[in-house]
PDB file of N, CA and C in Angstrom:
ATOM      1  N   MET A   1       0.802  -1.229   0.015  1.00  0.00           N
ATOM      2  CA  MET A   1      -0.026   0.001   0.096  1.00  0.00           C
ATOM      3  C   MET A   1       0.878   1.299   0.040  1.00  0.00           C
ATOM      4  N   ASP A   2       0.715   2.137  -0.904  1.00  0.00           N
ATOM      5  CA  ASP A   2       1.394   3.350  -0.919  1.00  0.00           C
ATOM      6  C   ASP A   2       1.094   4.252   0.193  1.00  0.00           C
ATOM      7  N   ASN A   3       1.973   5.166   0.447  1.00  0.00           N
ATOM      8  CA  ASN A   3       1.907   5.999   1.721  1.00  0.00           C
ATOM      9  C   ASN A   3       0.778   7.096   1.475  1.00  0.00           C
ATOM     10  N   GLU A   4       0.644   7.662   0.515  1.00  0.00           N
ATOM     11  CA  GLU A   4      -0.593   8.415   0.245  1.00  0.00           C
ATOM     12  C   GLU A   4      -1.982   7.913   0.468  1.00  0.00           C
ATOM     13  N   LYS A   5      -1.924   6.614  -0.126  1.00  0.00           N
ATOM     14  CA  LYS A   5      -3.308   6.138   0.265  1.00  0.00           C
ATOM     15  C   LYS A   5      -3.587   5.698   1.730  1.00  0.00           C
ATOM     16  N   LEU A   6      -2.450   4.979   2.353  1.00  0.00           N
ATOM     17  CA  LEU A   6      -2.595   4.875   3.817  1.00  0.00           C
ATOM     18  C   LEU A   6      -2.914   6.143   4.529  1.00  0.00           C
ATOM     19  N   LYS A   7      -2.291   7.267   4.097  1.00  0.00           N
ATOM     20  CA  LYS A   7      -2.495   8.476   4.835  1.00  0.00           C
ATOM     21  C   LYS A   7      -4.115   8.985   4.850  1.00  0.00           C
ATOM     22  N   ARG A   8      -4.624   8.823   3.538  1.00  0.00           N
ATOM     23  CA  ARG A   8      -5.936   9.137   3.364  1.00  0.00           C
ATOM     24  C   ARG A   8      -6.827   8.148   4.205  1.00  0.00           C
ATOM     25  N   ASP A   9      -6.505   6.938   4.250  1.00  0.00           N
ATOM     26  CA  ASP A   9      -7.325   5.987   4.722  1.00  0.00           C
ATOM     27  C   ASP A   9      -7.425   6.302   6.581  1.00  0.00           C
ATOM     28  N   LEU A  10      -6.264   6.510   7.032  1.00  0.00           N
ATOM     29  CA  LEU A  10      -6.114   6.948   8.204  1.00  0.00           C
ATOM     30  C   LEU A  10      -6.742   8.130   8.899  1.00  0.00           C
ATOM     31  N   GLU A  11      -6.862   9.081   7.912  1.00  0.00           N
ATOM     32  CA  GLU A  11      -7.536  10.453   8.099  1.00  0.00           C
ATOM     33  C   GLU A  11      -9.154  10.117   8.098  1.00  0.00           C
ATOM     34  N   ILE A  12      -9.512   9.282   7.130  1.00  0.00           N
ATOM     35  CA  ILE A  12     -10.962   8.808   7.166  1.00  0.00           C
ATOM     36  C   ILE A  12     -11.343   8.150   8.573  1.00  0.00           C
ATOM     37  N   ILE A  13     -10.458   7.272   8.966  1.00  0.00           N
ATOM     38  CA  ILE A  13     -10.668   6.496  10.236  1.00  0.00           C
ATOM     39  C   ILE A  13     -10.654   7.401  11.429  1.00  0.00           C
ATOM     40  N   ASP A  14      -9.878   8.546  11.418  1.00  0.00           N
ATOM     41  CA  ASP A  14     -10.054   9.597  12.380  1.00  0.00           C
ATOM     42  C   ASP A  14     -11.277  10.363  12.405  1.00  0.00           C
ATOM     43  N   LYS A  15     -11.750  10.696  11.129  1.00  0.00           N
ATOM     44  CA  LYS A  15     -12.971  11.346  11.058  1.00  0.00           C
ATOM     45  C   LYS A  15     -14.158  10.594  11.700  1.00  0.00           C
ATOM     46  N   ILE A  16     -14.165   9.110  11.135  1.00  0.00           N
ATOM     47  CA  ILE A  16     -15.151   8.327  11.749  1.00  0.00           C
ATOM     48  C   ILE A  16     -15.142   8.242  13.213  1.00  0.00           C
ATOM     49  N   GLU A  17     -14.238   8.164  13.792  1.00  0.00           N
ATOM     50  CA  GLU A  17     -13.889   8.176  15.166  1.00  0.00           C
ATOM     51  C   GLU A  17     -14.468   9.304  15.993  1.00  0.00           C
ATOM     52  N   GLN A  18     -14.273  10.539  15.308  1.00  0.00           N
ATOM     53  CA  GLN A  18     -14.731  11.793  15.805  1.00  0.00           C
ATOM     54  C   GLN A  18     -16.187  11.900  15.836  1.00  0.00           C
ATOM     55  N   VAL A  19     -16.894  11.432  14.664  1.00  0.00           N
ATOM     56  CA  VAL A  19     -18.325  11.309  14.551  1.00  0.00           C
ATOM     57  C   VAL A  19     -19.011  10.288  15.420  1.00  0.00           C
ATOM     58  N   ARG A  20     -18.282   8.983  15.588  1.00  0.00           N
ATOM     59  CA  ARG A  20     -18.747   8.088  16.538  1.00  0.00           C
ATOM     60  C   ARG A  20     -18.840   8.573  17.911  1.00  0.00           C
ATOM     61  N   THR A  21     -17.779   9.301  18.260  1.00  0.00           N
ATOM     62  CA  THR A  21     -17.747   9.727  19.736  1.00  0.00           C
ATOM     63  C   THR A  21     -18.827  10.809  20.098  1.00  0.00           C
ATOM     64  N   ARG A  22     -19.185  11.572  19.130  1.00  0.00           N
ATOM     65  CA  ARG A  22     -20.290  12.544  19.342  1.00  0.00           C
ATOM     66  C   ARG A  22     -21.620  11.805  19.304  1.00  0.00           C
ATOM     67  N   ASN A  23     -21.742  10.819  18.625  1.00  0.00           N
ATOM     68  CA  ASN A  23     -22.903  10.094  18.415  1.00  0.00           C
ATOM     69  C   ASN A  23     -23.107   9.127  19.578  1.00  0.00           C
ATOM     70  N   ASN A  24     -22.154   8.718  20.140  1.00  0.00           N
ATOM     71  CA  ASN A  24     -22.209   7.939  21.556  1.00  0.00           C
ATOM     72  C   ASN A  24     -22.631   8.736  22.633  1.00  0.00           C
ATOM     73  N   VAL A  25     -22.418   9.957  22.568  1.00  0.00           N
ATOM     74  CA  VAL A  25     -23.053  10.884  23.556  1.00  0.00           C
ATOM     75  C   VAL A  25     -24.439  10.856  23.399  1.00  0.00           C
ATOM     76  N   ASN A  26     -24.948  11.077  22.066  1.00  0.00           N
ATOM     77  CA  ASN A  26     -26.325  11.047  21.634  1.00  0.00           C
ATOM     78  C   ASN A  26     -27.022   9.878  22.263  1.00  0.00           C
ATOM     79  N   TRP A  27     -26.243   8.538  22.009  1.00  0.00           N
ATOM     80  CA  TRP A  27     -26.952   7.399  22.562  1.00  0.00           C
ATOM     81  C   TRP A  27     -27.237   7.421  24.042  1.00  0.00           C
ATOM     82  N   MET A  28     -26.259   7.959  24.784  1.00  0.00           N
ATOM     83  CA  MET A  28     -26.224   7.903  26.169  1.00  0.00           C
ATOM     84  C   MET A  28     -27.476   8.717  26.792  1.00  0.00           C
ATOM     85  N   ASP A  29     -27.482   9.984  25.963  1.00  0.00           N
ATOM     86  CA  ASP A  29     -28.499  10.841  26.231  1.00  0.00           C
ATOM     87  C   ASP A  29     -29.870   9.933  26.212  1.00  0.00           C
ATOM     88  N   ILE A  30     -30.110   9.325  24.899  1.00  0.00           N
ATOM     89  CA  ILE A  30     -31.308   8.557  24.854  1.00  0.00           C
ATOM     90  C   ILE A  30     -31.678   7.595  25.761  1.00  0.00           C
ATOM     91  N   LEU A  31     -30.527   6.829  26.327  1.00  0.00           N
ATOM     92  CA  LEU A  31     -30.716   6.000  27.427  1.00  0.00           C
ATOM     93  C   LEU A  31     -31.191   6.695  28.751  1.00  0.00           C
ATOM     94  N   ARG A  32     -30.618   7.880  28.991  1.00  0.00           N
ATOM     95  CA  ARG A  32     -30.914   8.350  30.302  1.00  0.00           C
ATOM     96  C   ARG A  32     -32.530   8.779  30.158  1.00  0.00           C
ATOM     97  N   LEU A  33     -32.819   9.428  29.096  1.00  0.00           N
ATOM     98  CA  LEU A  33     -34.326   9.704  28.648  1.00  0.00           C
ATOM     99  C   LEU A  33     -35.135   8.621  28.865  1.00  0.00           C
ATOM    100  N   GLY A  34     -34.620   7.381  28.262  1.00  0.00           N
ATOM    101  CA  GLY A  34     -35.525   6.085  28.470  1.00  0.00           C
ATOM    102  C   GLY A  34     -35.770   5.786  29.717  1.00  0.00           C
ATOM    103  N   PHE A  35     -34.646   5.531  30.501  1.00  0.00           N
ATOM    104  CA  PHE A  35     -34.618   5.060  31.824  1.00  0.00           C
ATOM    105  C   PHE A  35     -35.323   6.103  32.868  1.00  0.00           C
ATOM    106  N   THR A  36     -35.253   7.279  32.597  1.00  0.00           N
ATOM    107  CA  THR A  36     -36.105   8.208  33.366  1.00  0.00           C
ATOM    108  C   THR A  36     -37.674   8.139  33.139  1.00  0.00           C
ATOM    109  N   HIS A  37     -38.034   8.007  32.043  1.00  0.00           N
ATOM    110  CA  HIS A  37     -39.443   8.012  31.626  1.00  0.00           C
ATOM    111  C   HIS A  37     -39.981   6.499  31.446  1.00  0.00           C
ATOM    112  N   ALA A  38     -39.391   5.712  31.108  1.00  0.00           N
ATOM    113  CA  ALA A  38     -39.957   4.339  30.625  1.00  0.00           C
ATOM    114  C   ALA A  38     -39.047   3.300  31.030  1.00  0.00           C
ATOM    115  N   PRO A  39     -38.544   3.130  32.223  1.00  0.00           N
ATOM    116  CA  PRO A  39     -37.525   2.208  32.522  1.00  0.00           C
ATOM    117  C   PRO A  39     -37.752   0.711  31.915  1.00  0.00           C
ATOM    118  N   GLU A  40     -38.767   0.166  32.201  1.00  0.00           N
ATOM    119  CA  GLU A  40     -39.069  -1.162  31.977  1.00  0.00           C
ATOM    120  C   GLU A  40     -38.950  -1.509  30.452  1.00  0.00           C
ATOM    121  N   GLU A  41     -39.643  -0.644  29.727  1.00  0.00           N
ATOM    122  CA  GLU A  41     -39.425  -0.743  28.105  1.00  0.00           C
ATOM    123  C   GLU A  41     -38.209  -0.486  27.700  1.00  0.00           C
ATOM    124  N   THR A  42     -37.432   0.350  28.322  1.00  0.00           N
ATOM    125  CA  THR A  42     -35.924   0.809  27.729  1.00  0.00           C
ATOM    126  C   THR A  42     -35.106  -0.602  27.884  1.00  0.00           C
ATOM    127  N   ARG A  43     -35.376  -1.219  29.242  1.00  0.00           N
ATOM    128  CA  ARG A  43     -34.503  -2.301  29.527  1.00  0.00           C
ATOM    129  C   ARG A  43     -34.906  -3.534  28.549  1.00  0.00           C
ATOM    130  N   ALA A  44     -36.079  -3.560  28.230  1.00  0.00           N
ATOM    131  CA  ALA A  44     -36.333  -4.494  27.152  1.00  0.00           C
ATOM    132  C   ALA A  44     -35.719  -4.160  25.619  1.00  0.00           C
ATOM    133  N   LEU A  45     -35.675  -2.825  25.273  1.00  0.00           N
ATOM    134  CA  LEU A  45     -35.139  -2.517  24.028  1.00  0.00           C
ATOM    135  C   LEU A  45     -33.567  -2.706  24.108  1.00  0.00           C
ATOM    136  N   ILE A  46     -33.054  -2.345  25.278  1.00  0.00           N
ATOM    137  CA  ILE A  46     -31.601  -2.451  25.347  1.00  0.00           C
ATOM    138  C   ILE A  46     -31.130  -4.130  25.389  1.00  0.00           C
ATOM    139  N   GLY A  47     -31.894  -4.884  25.749  1.00  0.00           N
ATOM    140  CA  GLY A  47     -31.827  -6.379  25.703  1.00  0.00           C
ATOM    141  C   GLY A  47     -31.755  -6.485  24.156  1.00  0.00           C
ATOM    142  N   LYS A  48     -32.613  -6.169  23.285  1.00  0.00           N
ATOM    143  CA  LYS A  48     -32.737  -6.495  21.854  1.00  0.00           C
ATOM    144  C   LYS A  48     -31.566  -5.715  21.195  1.00  0.00           C
ATOM    145  N   ILE A  49     -31.291  -4.840  21.573  1.00  0.00           N
ATOM    146  CA  ILE A  49     -30.155  -4.080  20.860  1.00  0.00           C
ATOM    147  C   ILE A  49     -28.924  -4.978  21.226  1.00  0.00           C
ATOM    148  N   ASN A  50     -28.732  -5.364  22.380  1.00  0.00           N
ATOM    149  CA  ASN A  50     -27.415  -6.137  22.874  1.00  0.00           C
ATOM    150  C   ASN A  50     -27.452  -7.589  21.890  1.00  0.00           C
ATOM    151  N   GLN A  51     -28.539  -8.000  21.759  1.00  0.00           N
ATOM    152  CA  GLN A  51     -28.610  -9.383  20.979  1.00  0.00           C
ATOM    153  C   GLN A  51     -28.257  -9.015  19.566  1.00  0.00           C
ATOM    154  N   GLU A  52     -28.584  -8.099  18.905  1.00  0.00           N
ATOM    155  CA  GLU A  52     -28.405  -7.800  17.562  1.00  0.00           C
ATOM    156  C   GLU A  52     -26.812  -7.253  17.531  1.00  0.00           C
ATOM    157  N   ASP A  53     -26.345  -6.611  18.459  1.00  0.00           N
ATOM    158  CA  ASP A  53     -24.903  -6.217  18.649  1.00  0.00           C
ATOM    159  C   ASP A  53     -24.045  -7.551  18.440  1.00  0.00           C
ATOM    160  N   SER A  54     -24.477  -8.590  19.257  1.00  0.00           N
ATOM    161  CA  SER A  54     -23.748  -9.884  19.392  1.00  0.00           C
ATOM    162  C   SER A  54     -23.700 -10.267  17.869  1.00  0.00           C
ATOM    163  N   ARG A  55     -24.927 -10.270  17.268  1.00  0.00           N
ATOM    164  CA  ARG A  55     -24.735 -10.942  15.847  1.00  0.00           C
ATOM    165  C   ARG A  55     -23.877 -10.216  14.834  1.00  0.00           C
ATOM    166  N   ILE A  56     -24.012  -8.721  15.118  1.00  0.00           N
ATOM    167  CA  ILE A  56     -22.965  -7.914  14.272  1.00  0.00           C
ATOM    168  C   ILE A  56     -21.372  -8.330  14.578  1.00  0.00           C
ATOM    169  N   SER A  57     -21.231  -8.565  15.956  1.00  0.00           N
ATOM    170  CA  SER A  57     -19.855  -8.866  16.370  1.00  0.00           C
ATOM    171  C   SER A  57     -19.333 -10.311  15.739  1.00  0.00           C
ATOM    172  N   ASP A  58     -20.517 -11.334  15.774  1.00  0.00           N
ATOM    173  CA  ASP A  58     -20.253 -12.582  15.151  1.00  0.00           C
ATOM    174  C   ASP A  58     -19.735 -12.342  13.657  1.00  0.00           C
ATOM    175  N   LEU A  59     -20.390 -11.577  12.787  1.00  0.00           N
ATOM    176  CA  LEU A  59     -20.114 -11.184  11.526  1.00  0.00           C
ATOM    177  C   LEU A  59     -18.833 -10.502  11.284  1.00  0.00           C
ATOM    178  N   TYR A  60     -18.465  -9.596  12.343  1.00  0.00           N
ATOM    179  CA  TYR A  60     -17.136  -9.143  12.096  1.00  0.00           C
ATOM    180  C   TYR A  60     -15.903 -10.134  12.298  1.00  0.00           C
ATOM    181  N   ARG A  61     -16.226 -11.000  13.338  1.00  0.00           N
ATOM    182  CA  ARG A  61     -15.282 -12.141  13.516  1.00  0.00           C
ATOM    183  C   ARG A  61     -15.154 -12.905  12.393  1.00  0.00           C
ATOM    184  N   LYS A  62     -16.027 -13.279  11.617  1.00  0.00           N
ATOM    185  CA  LYS A  62     -16.040 -13.981  10.477  1.00  0.00           C
ATOM    186  C   LYS A  62     -15.162 -13.259   9.314  1.00  0.00           C
ATOM    187  N   LEU A  63     -15.467 -11.837   9.235  1.00  0.00           N
ATOM    188  CA  LEU A  63     -14.732 -11.145   8.333  1.00  0.00           C
ATOM    189  C   LEU A  63     -13.064 -11.101   8.532  1.00  0.00           C
ATOM    190  N   ALA A  64     -13.021 -11.085   9.895  1.00  0.00           N
ATOM    191  CA  ALA A  64     -11.545 -10.989  10.374  1.00  0.00           C
ATOM    192  C   ALA A  64     -10.730 -12.359  10.239  1.00  0.00           C
ATOM    193  N   GLU A  65     -11.471 -13.438   9.837  1.00  0.00           N
ATOM    194  CA  GLU A  65     -10.816 -14.693   9.779  1.00  0.00           C
ATOM    195  C   GLU A  65     -10.090 -14.716   8.575  1.00  0.00           C
TER     196      GLU A  65
END
């Protein structure tokens, strides 16, 4: 891989990291709101999200093999 392409790719990864960091704050705000106003429903949704995240992690593992 040439140095220019690597530099570009790393800059893109840095930008993705910045956006994900800001979006993670949004997710935490949603969680706080959900647990404040509808804790049981929020717990159920978090469980579903966790199950799907596990499936995504399994797919990432397959890609990494």
